[in-house]
N, C-alpha and C. Protein backbone atom coordinates (compact mmCIF):
# COMPACT_ATOMS: atom_id res chain seq x y z
N MET A 1 46.36 32.84 -9.04
CA MET A 1 45.38 33.70 -8.42
C MET A 1 44.16 32.87 -8.01
N THR A 2 43.73 33.03 -6.79
CA THR A 2 42.58 32.30 -6.27
C THR A 2 41.30 33.05 -6.61
N THR A 3 40.30 32.29 -7.04
CA THR A 3 39.00 32.88 -7.31
C THR A 3 38.15 32.76 -6.06
N HIS A 4 37.56 33.85 -5.65
CA HIS A 4 36.70 33.86 -4.47
C HIS A 4 35.25 33.95 -4.91
N THR A 5 34.42 33.09 -4.35
CA THR A 5 33.01 33.04 -4.71
C THR A 5 32.20 34.03 -3.88
N ASP A 6 30.97 34.26 -4.30
CA ASP A 6 30.06 35.08 -3.51
C ASP A 6 29.91 34.50 -2.11
N ALA A 7 29.84 33.17 -2.01
CA ALA A 7 29.71 32.52 -0.69
C ALA A 7 30.93 32.81 0.18
N ASP A 8 32.14 32.83 -0.41
CA ASP A 8 33.34 33.19 0.35
C ASP A 8 33.23 34.60 0.90
N HIS A 9 32.75 35.51 0.07
CA HIS A 9 32.62 36.91 0.49
C HIS A 9 31.52 37.09 1.54
N ILE A 10 30.44 36.32 1.42
CA ILE A 10 29.38 36.35 2.44
C ILE A 10 29.97 35.91 3.78
N HIS A 11 30.75 34.84 3.77
CA HIS A 11 31.38 34.36 5.00
C HIS A 11 32.31 35.43 5.57
N LEU A 12 33.06 36.11 4.73
CA LEU A 12 33.94 37.19 5.16
C LEU A 12 33.13 38.30 5.84
N LEU A 13 31.99 38.68 5.24
CA LEU A 13 31.15 39.74 5.83
C LEU A 13 30.53 39.29 7.15
N GLU A 14 30.16 38.03 7.27
CA GLU A 14 29.65 37.52 8.55
C GLU A 14 30.72 37.58 9.63
N THR A 15 31.93 37.19 9.27
CA THR A 15 33.06 37.24 10.20
C THR A 15 33.34 38.68 10.61
N PHE A 16 33.31 39.58 9.65
CA PHE A 16 33.55 41.01 9.86
C PHE A 16 32.49 41.59 10.80
N ASN A 17 31.22 41.30 10.53
CA ASN A 17 30.12 41.80 11.36
C ASN A 17 30.23 41.28 12.79
N ASP A 18 30.54 40.00 12.95
CA ASP A 18 30.71 39.42 14.29
C ASP A 18 31.85 40.11 15.04
N ALA A 19 32.93 40.40 14.33
CA ALA A 19 34.08 41.07 14.97
C ALA A 19 33.72 42.48 15.42
N TRP A 20 32.91 43.19 14.65
CA TRP A 20 32.45 44.52 15.09
C TRP A 20 31.70 44.41 16.41
N ASN A 21 30.83 43.42 16.52
CA ASN A 21 30.03 43.27 17.74
C ASN A 21 30.85 42.82 18.94
N ARG A 22 31.96 42.15 18.70
CA ARG A 22 32.85 41.76 19.79
C ARG A 22 33.90 42.83 20.08
N HIS A 23 33.92 43.88 19.24
CA HIS A 23 34.93 44.95 19.34
C HIS A 23 36.33 44.35 19.21
N ASP A 24 36.50 43.48 18.24
CA ASP A 24 37.75 42.75 18.02
C ASP A 24 38.50 43.33 16.84
N ILE A 25 39.36 44.30 17.10
CA ILE A 25 40.08 45.01 16.04
C ILE A 25 41.00 44.08 15.25
N GLU A 26 41.58 43.08 15.90
CA GLU A 26 42.50 42.19 15.19
C GLU A 26 41.78 41.38 14.11
N VAL A 27 40.61 40.86 14.44
CA VAL A 27 39.85 40.11 13.44
C VAL A 27 39.36 41.05 12.35
N LEU A 28 38.90 42.25 12.73
CA LEU A 28 38.47 43.22 11.71
C LEU A 28 39.59 43.47 10.71
N MET A 29 40.77 43.74 11.22
CA MET A 29 41.89 44.07 10.34
C MET A 29 42.34 42.86 9.52
N SER A 30 42.12 41.65 10.04
CA SER A 30 42.47 40.46 9.25
C SER A 30 41.54 40.30 8.05
N CYS A 31 40.39 40.94 8.08
CA CYS A 31 39.44 40.91 6.97
C CYS A 31 39.76 41.95 5.89
N MET A 32 40.64 42.89 6.23
CA MET A 32 40.94 44.01 5.33
C MET A 32 42.14 43.72 4.44
N ALA A 33 42.09 44.20 3.21
CA ALA A 33 43.21 44.09 2.28
C ALA A 33 44.37 44.96 2.77
N ASP A 34 45.56 44.67 2.27
CA ASP A 34 46.72 45.47 2.67
C ASP A 34 46.53 46.95 2.32
N GLU A 35 46.03 47.21 1.13
CA GLU A 35 45.72 48.59 0.74
C GLU A 35 44.21 48.74 0.87
N CYS A 36 43.78 49.38 1.96
CA CYS A 36 42.36 49.45 2.25
C CYS A 36 41.93 50.88 2.55
N GLU A 37 40.62 51.08 2.45
CA GLU A 37 40.01 52.38 2.76
C GLU A 37 38.73 52.16 3.55
N PHE A 38 38.44 53.13 4.40
CA PHE A 38 37.20 53.14 5.16
C PHE A 38 36.62 54.55 5.06
N HIS A 39 35.39 54.65 4.57
CA HIS A 39 34.67 55.92 4.50
C HIS A 39 33.61 55.90 5.60
N GLY A 40 33.81 56.72 6.62
CA GLY A 40 32.92 56.75 7.77
C GLY A 40 31.58 57.39 7.46
N VAL A 41 30.62 57.23 8.38
CA VAL A 41 29.26 57.74 8.17
C VAL A 41 29.19 59.26 8.27
N ALA A 42 30.18 59.89 8.87
CA ALA A 42 30.14 61.35 9.03
C ALA A 42 31.53 61.91 8.78
N GLY A 43 31.55 63.17 8.44
CA GLY A 43 32.83 63.84 8.24
C GLY A 43 32.69 65.00 7.28
N PRO A 44 33.78 65.70 7.04
CA PRO A 44 33.72 66.95 6.29
C PRO A 44 33.70 66.79 4.77
N ASP A 45 33.97 65.59 4.29
CA ASP A 45 34.12 65.41 2.85
C ASP A 45 32.90 64.75 2.21
N LEU A 46 32.88 64.72 0.90
CA LEU A 46 31.79 64.10 0.15
C LEU A 46 31.55 62.66 0.62
N MET A 47 32.63 61.95 0.94
CA MET A 47 32.53 60.55 1.37
C MET A 47 32.52 60.42 2.90
N GLY A 48 32.21 61.48 3.61
CA GLY A 48 32.28 61.47 5.07
C GLY A 48 33.70 61.75 5.50
N ARG A 49 34.26 60.89 6.32
CA ARG A 49 35.68 60.97 6.66
C ARG A 49 36.35 59.71 6.13
N THR A 50 37.42 59.91 5.36
CA THR A 50 38.11 58.79 4.74
C THR A 50 39.38 58.45 5.49
N PHE A 51 39.57 57.16 5.72
CA PHE A 51 40.77 56.63 6.33
C PHE A 51 41.41 55.72 5.29
N LYS A 52 42.68 55.96 4.96
CA LYS A 52 43.37 55.17 3.93
C LYS A 52 44.59 54.49 4.53
N GLY A 53 44.76 53.23 4.17
CA GLY A 53 45.89 52.45 4.67
C GLY A 53 45.54 51.77 5.98
N ARG A 54 46.23 50.69 6.27
CA ARG A 54 45.89 49.86 7.43
C ARG A 54 45.93 50.63 8.76
N ASP A 55 46.94 51.46 8.96
CA ASP A 55 47.04 52.19 10.23
C ASP A 55 45.88 53.16 10.41
N GLU A 56 45.54 53.89 9.35
CA GLU A 56 44.43 54.84 9.44
C GLU A 56 43.08 54.14 9.57
N VAL A 57 42.90 53.06 8.82
CA VAL A 57 41.64 52.30 8.92
C VAL A 57 41.47 51.76 10.33
N ARG A 58 42.53 51.24 10.91
CA ARG A 58 42.47 50.75 12.29
C ARG A 58 42.01 51.88 13.22
N LYS A 59 42.57 53.07 13.05
CA LYS A 59 42.17 54.23 13.87
C LYS A 59 40.70 54.57 13.65
N GLY A 60 40.27 54.54 12.40
CA GLY A 60 38.87 54.83 12.09
C GLY A 60 37.91 53.84 12.71
N PHE A 61 38.27 52.55 12.66
CA PHE A 61 37.43 51.52 13.25
C PHE A 61 37.33 51.71 14.77
N THR A 62 38.45 51.92 15.43
CA THR A 62 38.43 52.06 16.89
C THR A 62 37.72 53.33 17.32
N LEU A 63 37.69 54.33 16.45
CA LEU A 63 36.96 55.56 16.75
C LEU A 63 35.47 55.29 16.99
N ALA A 64 34.92 54.32 16.28
CA ALA A 64 33.50 53.97 16.47
C ALA A 64 33.25 53.53 17.91
N TRP A 65 34.16 52.73 18.48
CA TRP A 65 33.99 52.25 19.86
C TRP A 65 34.31 53.33 20.87
N GLU A 66 35.19 54.26 20.51
CA GLU A 66 35.46 55.39 21.41
C GLU A 66 34.26 56.32 21.46
N THR A 67 33.60 56.51 20.34
CA THR A 67 32.42 57.38 20.27
C THR A 67 31.23 56.75 20.98
N CYS A 68 31.04 55.45 20.80
CA CYS A 68 29.94 54.70 21.43
C CYS A 68 30.51 53.41 21.99
N PRO A 69 30.94 53.41 23.24
CA PRO A 69 31.59 52.22 23.81
C PRO A 69 30.74 50.95 23.79
N ASP A 70 29.42 51.11 23.74
CA ASP A 70 28.55 49.93 23.70
C ASP A 70 28.02 49.65 22.29
N ALA A 71 28.70 50.16 21.27
CA ALA A 71 28.24 50.04 19.88
C ALA A 71 28.01 48.59 19.48
N SER A 72 26.92 48.38 18.72
CA SER A 72 26.64 47.06 18.16
C SER A 72 25.97 47.23 16.80
N TRP A 73 26.15 46.22 15.98
CA TRP A 73 25.58 46.18 14.64
C TRP A 73 24.83 44.86 14.55
N LYS A 74 23.50 44.91 14.73
CA LYS A 74 22.68 43.70 14.83
C LYS A 74 21.79 43.53 13.61
N GLU A 75 21.16 42.36 13.53
CA GLU A 75 20.27 42.00 12.42
C GLU A 75 20.99 42.12 11.08
N GLY A 76 22.24 41.67 11.04
CA GLY A 76 23.03 41.78 9.82
C GLY A 76 22.52 40.89 8.70
N GLU A 77 22.41 41.48 7.53
CA GLU A 77 22.07 40.76 6.30
C GLU A 77 23.11 41.14 5.27
N HIS A 78 23.59 40.16 4.50
CA HIS A 78 24.70 40.40 3.60
C HIS A 78 24.35 39.93 2.19
N PHE A 79 24.72 40.73 1.21
CA PHE A 79 24.47 40.44 -0.19
C PHE A 79 25.77 40.67 -0.96
N VAL A 80 26.09 39.77 -1.88
CA VAL A 80 27.33 39.88 -2.64
C VAL A 80 27.06 39.58 -4.11
N SER A 81 27.75 40.33 -4.97
CA SER A 81 27.75 40.06 -6.40
C SER A 81 29.15 40.38 -6.91
N GLY A 82 29.89 39.34 -7.21
CA GLY A 82 31.24 39.54 -7.72
C GLY A 82 32.15 40.18 -6.68
N ASN A 83 32.77 41.30 -7.06
CA ASN A 83 33.70 41.96 -6.14
C ASN A 83 33.05 43.08 -5.33
N ARG A 84 31.72 43.09 -5.26
CA ARG A 84 30.99 44.09 -4.48
C ARG A 84 30.05 43.40 -3.51
N GLY A 85 29.85 44.02 -2.36
CA GLY A 85 28.96 43.46 -1.36
C GLY A 85 28.28 44.55 -0.56
N VAL A 86 27.19 44.18 0.09
CA VAL A 86 26.42 45.10 0.92
C VAL A 86 26.04 44.38 2.21
N SER A 87 26.17 45.08 3.32
CA SER A 87 25.67 44.59 4.60
C SER A 87 24.67 45.60 5.13
N GLU A 88 23.50 45.12 5.54
CA GLU A 88 22.51 45.95 6.22
C GLU A 88 22.48 45.52 7.67
N SER A 89 22.36 46.48 8.58
CA SER A 89 22.27 46.15 10.00
C SER A 89 21.60 47.30 10.74
N THR A 90 21.32 47.05 12.02
CA THR A 90 20.82 48.10 12.89
C THR A 90 21.95 48.48 13.83
N PHE A 91 22.36 49.73 13.77
CA PHE A 91 23.40 50.24 14.65
C PHE A 91 22.73 50.72 15.94
N ARG A 92 23.32 50.31 17.07
CA ARG A 92 22.86 50.78 18.38
C ARG A 92 24.09 51.19 19.18
N GLY A 93 23.99 52.32 19.87
CA GLY A 93 25.09 52.75 20.71
C GLY A 93 24.72 53.96 21.53
N THR A 94 25.49 54.19 22.58
CA THR A 94 25.30 55.33 23.47
C THR A 94 26.56 56.17 23.45
N THR A 95 26.40 57.47 23.17
CA THR A 95 27.55 58.37 23.13
C THR A 95 27.98 58.74 24.55
N ALA A 96 29.13 59.38 24.66
CA ALA A 96 29.67 59.78 25.97
C ALA A 96 28.72 60.69 26.73
N ASN A 97 27.92 61.50 26.00
CA ASN A 97 26.99 62.40 26.68
C ASN A 97 25.64 61.76 26.96
N GLY A 98 25.53 60.43 26.74
CA GLY A 98 24.32 59.70 27.08
C GLY A 98 23.28 59.61 25.99
N ALA A 99 23.54 60.18 24.81
CA ALA A 99 22.59 60.09 23.71
C ALA A 99 22.57 58.66 23.16
N ARG A 100 21.37 58.13 23.01
CA ARG A 100 21.20 56.76 22.51
C ARG A 100 20.87 56.81 21.03
N ILE A 101 21.67 56.08 20.24
CA ILE A 101 21.48 56.04 18.78
C ILE A 101 20.97 54.66 18.41
N GLU A 102 19.95 54.62 17.57
CA GLU A 102 19.47 53.38 16.98
C GLU A 102 18.98 53.72 15.58
N ALA A 103 19.65 53.17 14.57
CA ALA A 103 19.30 53.49 13.19
C ALA A 103 19.77 52.38 12.26
N ARG A 104 19.02 52.16 11.20
CA ARG A 104 19.44 51.20 10.18
C ARG A 104 20.61 51.79 9.42
N MET A 105 21.48 50.91 8.98
CA MET A 105 22.63 51.37 8.21
C MET A 105 23.01 50.35 7.15
N VAL A 106 23.84 50.80 6.23
CA VAL A 106 24.33 49.97 5.15
C VAL A 106 25.82 50.22 5.00
N ASP A 107 26.56 49.14 4.78
CA ASP A 107 27.96 49.23 4.38
C ASP A 107 28.04 48.68 2.96
N VAL A 108 28.74 49.41 2.10
CA VAL A 108 28.99 48.96 0.74
C VAL A 108 30.47 48.60 0.66
N PHE A 109 30.76 47.40 0.19
CA PHE A 109 32.13 46.88 0.18
C PHE A 109 32.63 46.65 -1.24
N THR A 110 33.93 46.79 -1.38
CA THR A 110 34.64 46.34 -2.57
C THR A 110 35.68 45.33 -2.10
N PHE A 111 35.73 44.18 -2.75
CA PHE A 111 36.65 43.11 -2.38
C PHE A 111 37.83 43.06 -3.33
N LYS A 112 38.97 42.65 -2.79
CA LYS A 112 40.17 42.43 -3.60
C LYS A 112 40.92 41.25 -2.99
N ASP A 113 41.16 40.23 -3.81
CA ASP A 113 41.91 39.05 -3.38
C ASP A 113 41.35 38.43 -2.10
N GLY A 114 40.02 38.36 -2.00
CA GLY A 114 39.38 37.70 -0.87
C GLY A 114 39.32 38.50 0.41
N LYS A 115 39.67 39.77 0.34
CA LYS A 115 39.63 40.66 1.51
C LYS A 115 38.81 41.89 1.17
N ILE A 116 38.52 42.70 2.19
CA ILE A 116 37.78 43.95 1.99
C ILE A 116 38.78 45.05 1.65
N ALA A 117 38.64 45.64 0.48
CA ALA A 117 39.51 46.74 0.06
C ALA A 117 38.89 48.09 0.45
N VAL A 118 37.55 48.18 0.37
CA VAL A 118 36.86 49.43 0.70
C VAL A 118 35.62 49.10 1.51
N LYS A 119 35.45 49.83 2.62
CA LYS A 119 34.23 49.78 3.43
C LYS A 119 33.67 51.19 3.42
N ASN A 120 32.49 51.35 2.86
CA ASN A 120 31.84 52.65 2.74
C ASN A 120 30.55 52.59 3.54
N ALA A 121 30.50 53.32 4.67
CA ALA A 121 29.38 53.21 5.62
C ALA A 121 28.36 54.33 5.44
N TYR A 122 27.08 53.97 5.53
CA TYR A 122 25.96 54.91 5.47
C TYR A 122 25.01 54.58 6.61
N ARG A 123 24.51 55.61 7.30
CA ARG A 123 23.56 55.38 8.39
C ARG A 123 22.45 56.42 8.32
N LYS A 124 21.24 55.99 8.61
CA LYS A 124 20.11 56.92 8.67
C LYS A 124 20.40 58.02 9.68
N ASP A 125 20.08 59.23 9.33
CA ASP A 125 20.32 60.39 10.19
C ASP A 125 19.12 60.58 11.10
N ARG A 126 19.05 59.72 12.10
CA ARG A 126 17.93 59.72 13.03
C ARG A 126 18.33 60.44 14.30
N LYS A 127 17.43 61.23 14.86
CA LYS A 127 17.72 61.94 16.11
C LYS A 127 17.93 60.92 17.24
N PRO A 128 18.81 61.24 18.20
CA PRO A 128 19.02 60.33 19.34
C PRO A 128 17.72 60.03 20.06
N LEU A 129 17.63 58.84 20.60
CA LEU A 129 16.42 58.41 21.31
C LEU A 129 16.39 58.97 22.71
């Protein structure tokens, strides 16, 4: 079993954040563990909307770009301690109806075997600009 350091996980989060900004689903999915989950910022459940498994997580990730085709996550800062990590960024995007969103957000991660097992997203509930 390989031991992954906090620095390894920071590098993983930097790669992940860059892939979001390039809208590169293949690189995003390469960062995810085989058994993975994504809890979106909105949805009907306590955790927002949950996507489980690689196929569902892929759908959940691409939904962000379908909702806001110009979506970006800038000013990324990453913190890691053991098998947990946090990324802070500013989300910017325009919805199909022209509403402009700009809000700070946080992703809370759980790592497993050097990959992201859980991505749990939170975003400030700010009115469109």
